[in-house]
C-alpha atoms as a PDB file:
ATOM      1  CA  MET A   1     -22.110  46.112 -18.710  1.00  0.00           C
ATOM      2  CA  THR A   2     -18.819  45.888 -16.763  1.00  0.00           C
ATOM      3  CA  ASN A   3     -17.268  42.528 -15.639  1.00  0.00           C
ATOM      4  CA  TRP A   4     -16.708  43.301 -12.109  1.00  0.00           C
ATOM      5  CA  PRO A   5     -15.988  40.749  -9.292  1.00  0.00           C
ATOM      6  CA  GLU A   6     -19.380  39.706  -7.677  1.00  0.00           C
ATOM      7  CA  PRO A   7     -19.834  40.364  -3.614  1.00  0.00           C
ATOM      8  CA  ARG A   8     -19.540  37.082  -1.912  1.00  0.00           C
ATOM      9  CA  ASP A   9     -22.706  35.382  -0.867  1.00  0.00           C
ATOM     10  CA  ILE A  10     -23.563  35.866   2.517  1.00  0.00           C
ATOM     11  CA  VAL A  11     -26.066  33.287   4.019  1.00  0.00           C
ATOM     12  CA  ARG A  12     -28.099  35.402   6.550  1.00  0.00           C
ATOM     13  CA  THR A  13     -31.206  33.992   8.211  1.00  0.00           C
ATOM     14  CA  GLY A  14     -33.478  36.186  10.389  1.00  0.00           C
ATOM     15  CA  ASN A  15     -34.309  39.978  10.238  1.00  0.00           C
ATOM     16  CA  PHE A  16     -30.872  41.986   9.895  1.00  0.00           C
ATOM     17  CA  PRO A  17     -31.694  45.587   9.258  1.00  0.00           C
ATOM     18  CA  TYR A  18     -29.622  48.048   7.418  1.00  0.00           C
ATOM     19  CA  VAL A  19     -29.107  51.068   9.674  1.00  0.00           C
ATOM     20  CA  PHE A  20     -26.899  53.241   7.559  1.00  0.00           C
ATOM     21  CA  LYS A  21     -26.620  54.647   4.002  1.00  0.00           C
ATOM     22  CA  ILE A  22     -24.518  56.942   2.000  1.00  0.00           C
ATOM     23  CA  GLU A  23     -25.674  58.736  -0.972  1.00  0.00           C
ATOM     24  CA  GLU A  24     -22.224  59.968  -2.190  1.00  0.00           C
ATOM     25  CA  ASP A  25     -19.007  58.017  -2.738  1.00  0.00           C
ATOM     26  CA  PHE A  26     -16.854  57.830   0.596  1.00  0.00           C
ATOM     27  CA  VAL A  27     -13.030  57.884  -0.123  1.00  0.00           C
ATOM     28  CA  TYR A  28     -10.546  56.801   2.741  1.00  0.00           C
ATOM     29  CA  GLU A  29      -6.717  56.828   2.269  1.00  0.00           C
ATOM     30  CA  SER A  30      -5.461  53.599   3.965  1.00  0.00           C
ATOM     31  CA  GLY A  31      -1.946  53.799   2.922  1.00  0.00           C
ATOM     32  CA  TRP A  32      -1.712  50.481   1.310  1.00  0.00           C
ATOM     33  CA  GLN A  33       0.552  49.774  -1.269  1.00  0.00           C
ATOM     34  CA  ILE A  34      -1.175  46.844  -3.569  1.00  0.00           C
ATOM     35  CA  ASP A  35       0.152  45.572  -6.938  1.00  0.00           C
ATOM     36  CA  GLN A  36      -3.247  45.425  -8.754  1.00  0.00           C
ATOM     37  CA  HIS A  37      -6.129  47.868  -8.796  1.00  0.00           C
ATOM     38  CA  PHE A  38      -9.352  46.622  -7.483  1.00  0.00           C
ATOM     39  CA  ALA A  39     -12.888  47.566  -9.153  1.00  0.00           C
ATOM     40  CA  SER A  40     -16.011  46.237  -8.371  1.00  0.00           C
ATOM     41  CA  GLN A  41     -19.790  47.729  -8.389  1.00  0.00           C
ATOM     42  CA  TRP A  42     -19.497  48.852  -4.748  1.00  0.00           C
ATOM     43  CA  LEU A  43     -15.771  49.125  -4.042  1.00  0.00           C
ATOM     44  CA  ASP A  44     -12.683  50.681  -5.589  1.00  0.00           C
ATOM     45  CA  ILE A  45      -9.003  50.205  -4.159  1.00  0.00           C
ATOM     46  CA  SER A  46      -6.245  52.154  -6.025  1.00  0.00           C
ATOM     47  CA  THR A  47      -2.808  50.693  -6.119  1.00  0.00           C
ATOM     48  CA  ASN A  48      -1.790  53.403  -3.564  1.00  0.00           C
ATOM     49  CA  GLY A  49      -4.356  52.278  -1.386  1.00  0.00           C
ATOM     50  CA  THR A  50      -7.348  54.852  -1.842  1.00  0.00           C
ATOM     51  CA  ILE A  51     -10.533  53.163  -0.978  1.00  0.00           C
ATOM     52  CA  THR A  52     -13.653  54.357  -2.680  1.00  0.00           C
ATOM     53  CA  ILE A  53     -16.950  53.029  -1.406  1.00  0.00           C
ATOM     54  CA  LYS A  54     -19.342  53.777  -4.307  1.00  0.00           C
ATOM     55  CA  ALA A  55     -22.963  55.006  -3.589  1.00  0.00           C
ATOM     56  CA  ASN A  56     -23.841  54.533  -7.216  1.00  0.00           C
ATOM     57  CA  GLU A  57     -27.550  55.253  -8.168  1.00  0.00           C
ATOM     58  CA  THR A  58     -29.306  53.869  -5.070  1.00  0.00           C
ATOM     59  CA  GLY A  59     -26.750  54.638  -2.230  1.00  0.00           C
ATOM     60  CA  TYR A  60     -24.615  52.100  -0.286  1.00  0.00           C
ATOM     61  CA  ALA A  61     -26.394  50.602   2.738  1.00  0.00           C
ATOM     62  CA  TRP A  62     -24.876  48.495   5.799  1.00  0.00           C
ATOM     63  CA  ASP A  63     -25.655  47.592   8.963  1.00  0.00           C
ATOM     64  CA  GLY A  64     -23.105  49.001  11.292  1.00  0.00           C
ATOM     65  CA  CYS A  65     -21.144  46.930  13.596  1.00  0.00           C
ATOM     66  CA  THR A  66     -22.783  43.371  13.761  1.00  0.00           C
ATOM     67  CA  PRO A  67     -24.522  41.539  14.663  1.00  0.00           C
ATOM     68  CA  LYS A  68     -27.908  43.457  14.902  1.00  0.00           C
ATOM     69  CA  TRP A  69     -31.589  42.123  14.714  1.00  0.00           C
ATOM     70  CA  SER A  70     -34.827  44.203  14.173  1.00  0.00           C
ATOM     71  CA  VAL A  71     -37.461  43.270  16.825  1.00  0.00           C
ATOM     72  CA  LEU A  72     -40.751  43.508  15.219  1.00  0.00           C
ATOM     73  CA  ASN A  73     -39.692  46.704  13.426  1.00  0.00           C
ATOM     74  CA  LEU A  74     -39.870  48.599  16.565  1.00  0.00           C
ATOM     75  CA  VAL A  75     -36.170  48.455  17.625  1.00  0.00           C
ATOM     76  CA  ILE A  76     -32.967  47.286  16.855  1.00  0.00           C
ATOM     77  CA  ILE A  77     -30.867  45.326  19.306  1.00  0.00           C
ATOM     78  CA  GLY A  78     -27.193  44.269  18.920  1.00  0.00           C
ATOM     79  CA  THR A  79     -23.860  45.632  18.833  1.00  0.00           C
ATOM     80  CA  PRO A  80     -23.767  49.286  19.336  1.00  0.00           C
ATOM     81  CA  ASP A  81     -22.361  51.590  16.880  1.00  0.00           C
ATOM     82  CA  GLY A  82     -21.242  54.169  19.619  1.00  0.00           C
ATOM     83  CA  HIS A  83     -22.577  57.478  20.552  1.00  0.00           C
ATOM     84  CA  ILE A  84     -22.305  60.495  18.095  1.00  0.00           C
ATOM     85  CA  ASP A  85     -18.903  61.650  17.719  1.00  0.00           C
ATOM     86  CA  TYR A  86     -19.147  65.605  17.757  1.00  0.00           C
ATOM     87  CA  ARG A  87     -16.414  65.772  14.943  1.00  0.00           C
ATOM     88  CA  THR A  88     -18.321  64.198  12.435  1.00  0.00           C
ATOM     89  CA  MET A  89     -22.020  64.226  13.958  1.00  0.00           C
ATOM     90  CA  LYS A  90     -22.313  60.592  13.184  1.00  0.00           C
ATOM     91  CA  PRO A  91     -21.935  57.443  15.542  1.00  0.00           C
ATOM     92  CA  PHE A  92     -18.149  56.635  16.356  1.00  0.00           C
ATOM     93  CA  CYS A  93     -18.285  53.215  14.281  1.00  0.00           C
ATOM     94  CA  PHE A  94     -20.096  54.901  11.203  1.00  0.00           C
ATOM     95  CA  TYR A  95     -17.076  55.173   8.814  1.00  0.00           C
ATOM     96  CA  ALA A  96     -14.910  52.236  10.153  1.00  0.00           C
ATOM     97  CA  SER A  97     -17.845  49.758   9.884  1.00  0.00           C
ATOM     98  CA  LEU A  98     -18.619  51.287   6.444  1.00  0.00           C
ATOM     99  CA  VAL A  99     -15.320  50.608   5.029  1.00  0.00           C
ATOM    100  CA  HIS A 100     -14.777  47.316   6.938  1.00  0.00           C
ATOM    101  CA  ASP A 101     -18.297  45.858   5.809  1.00  0.00           C
ATOM    102  CA  ALA A 102     -17.541  46.843   1.962  1.00  0.00           C
ATOM    103  CA  LEU A 103     -14.098  45.038   2.325  1.00  0.00           C
ATOM    104  CA  TYR A 104     -15.707  42.023   3.770  1.00  0.00           C
ATOM    105  CA  GLN A 105     -18.388  41.927   0.919  1.00  0.00           C
ATOM    106  CA  TYR A 106     -15.290  40.942  -1.223  1.00  0.00           C
ATOM    107  CA  LEU A 107     -13.243  39.313   1.358  1.00  0.00           C
ATOM    108  CA  ASP A 108     -12.460  36.450  -1.184  1.00  0.00           C
ATOM    109  CA  SER A 109     -11.362  38.409  -4.015  1.00  0.00           C
ATOM    110  CA  VAL A 110      -9.832  41.730  -2.721  1.00  0.00           C
ATOM    111  CA  PRO A 111      -5.990  42.020  -3.038  1.00  0.00           C
ATOM    112  CA  VAL A 112      -5.730  42.804   0.616  1.00  0.00           C
ATOM    113  CA  SER A 113      -5.487  40.163   3.572  1.00  0.00           C
ATOM    114  CA  LYS A 114      -7.954  39.954   6.239  1.00  0.00           C
ATOM    115  CA  LYS A 115      -5.413  40.844   8.845  1.00  0.00           C
ATOM    116  CA  ASP A 116      -4.993  44.369   7.040  1.00  0.00           C
ATOM    117  CA  ILE A 117      -8.585  44.957   6.862  1.00  0.00           C
ATOM    118  CA  ASP A 118      -9.181  44.378  10.446  1.00  0.00           C
ATOM    119  CA  LEU A 119      -6.148  46.507  11.299  1.00  0.00           C
ATOM    120  CA  LEU A 120      -7.612  49.247   9.069  1.00  0.00           C
ATOM    121  CA  PHE A 121     -10.899  48.750  11.298  1.00  0.00           C
ATOM    122  CA  LEU A 122      -9.160  49.223  14.371  1.00  0.00           C
ATOM    123  CA  GLU A 123      -7.206  52.419  12.969  1.00  0.00           C
ATOM    124  CA  MET A 124     -10.530  53.908  11.765  1.00  0.00           C
ATOM    125  CA  LEU A 125     -11.997  53.425  15.152  1.00  0.00           C
ATOM    126  CA  GLY A 126      -9.581  56.098  16.391  1.00  0.00           C
ATOM    127  CA  ASP A 127     -10.482  57.105  20.180  1.00  0.00           C
ATOM    128  CA  PHE A 128     -13.449  54.888  20.434  1.00  0.00           C
ATOM    129  CA  LYS A 129     -13.216  53.520  23.809  1.00  0.00           C
ATOM    130  CA  LEU A 130     -14.263  49.993  22.861  1.00  0.00           C
ATOM    131  CA  ARG A 131     -11.973  49.656  19.906  1.00  0.00           C
ATOM    132  CA  LYS A 132      -9.889  46.928  21.043  1.00  0.00           C
ATOM    133  CA  LEU A 133     -12.788  44.947  21.835  1.00  0.00           C
ATOM    134  CA  TYR A 134     -14.269  45.332  18.746  1.00  0.00           C
ATOM    135  CA  TYR A 135     -11.205  44.490  17.214  1.00  0.00           C
ATOM    136  CA  PHE A 136     -10.808  41.299  18.826  1.00  0.00           C
ATOM    137  CA  PHE A 137     -14.283  40.203  17.569  1.00  0.00           C
ATOM    138  CA  VAL A 138     -13.937  41.089  14.138  1.00  0.00           C
ATOM    139  CA  LYS A 139     -10.269  39.660  14.185  1.00  0.00           C
ATOM    140  CA  HIS A 140     -11.390  36.061  15.508  1.00  0.00           C
ATOM    141  CA  PHE A 141     -15.126  35.861  14.282  1.00  0.00           C
ATOM    142  CA  GLY A 142     -15.348  38.155  11.151  1.00  0.00           C
ATOM    143  CA  GLY A 143     -15.435  36.447   7.821  1.00  0.00           C
ATOM    144  CA  ARG A 144     -15.144  32.806   9.089  1.00  0.00           C
ATOM    145  CA  GLY A 145     -15.078  30.260   6.571  1.00  0.00           C
ATOM    146  CA  VAL A 146     -14.087  32.454   3.816  1.00  0.00           C
ATOM    147  CA  VAL A 147     -11.017  31.687   1.665  1.00  0.00           C
ATOM    148  CA  GLN A 148      -9.028  34.545   0.373  1.00  0.00           C
ATOM    149  CA  ARG A 149      -7.168  34.141  -2.908  1.00  0.00           C
ATOM    150  CA  GLY A 150      -3.321  34.596  -2.597  1.00  0.00           C
ATOM    151  CA  PHE A 151      -3.346  34.835   1.309  1.00  0.00           C
END
C-alpha cells in the first residue's frame, strides 16, 4: 500500500451531486515549476508542472462548478458549468473545474499556492464569458479555512 497524502476532510451537509466523471487519466501542462513531485491517490504533479488527475479503477467524479444541489433527484440547481463547447463537446467549465476540484481536494498539502491554483482555473476557463466572475468567487470564497503548508 502506498503512503499517499490523504484528501482533506470536507464537511458537506445536504445533497451535493457529482455530475461529471472521467474514466481515463486527464493530463494538463500547467507550466508550473515546483521543487518537489506530488503524488496522491487521485492527483499527481510533476516538478515541471504536469498535472495528472487519476481515474484509477473507479473513475474520478466531481461536481463541476459549485455550489450545486440535487432536488428530489429530479433536477440539479446551482452554479452552471456553461453550455457545450463545440471544440471539446463538454461544458465550458468541465476541464477547469476538474483540475481545480482535484487540486482543492489536496489544498492543505499540494506544493502550489491557492493563488496559483485559482489563476490556473481562470486560465483554463479560456474564452468562457463568465470566467472573471467565476474566478472572483473561487479566489475569495474557495478553500476558506484551509491552511496551506509553506504558503
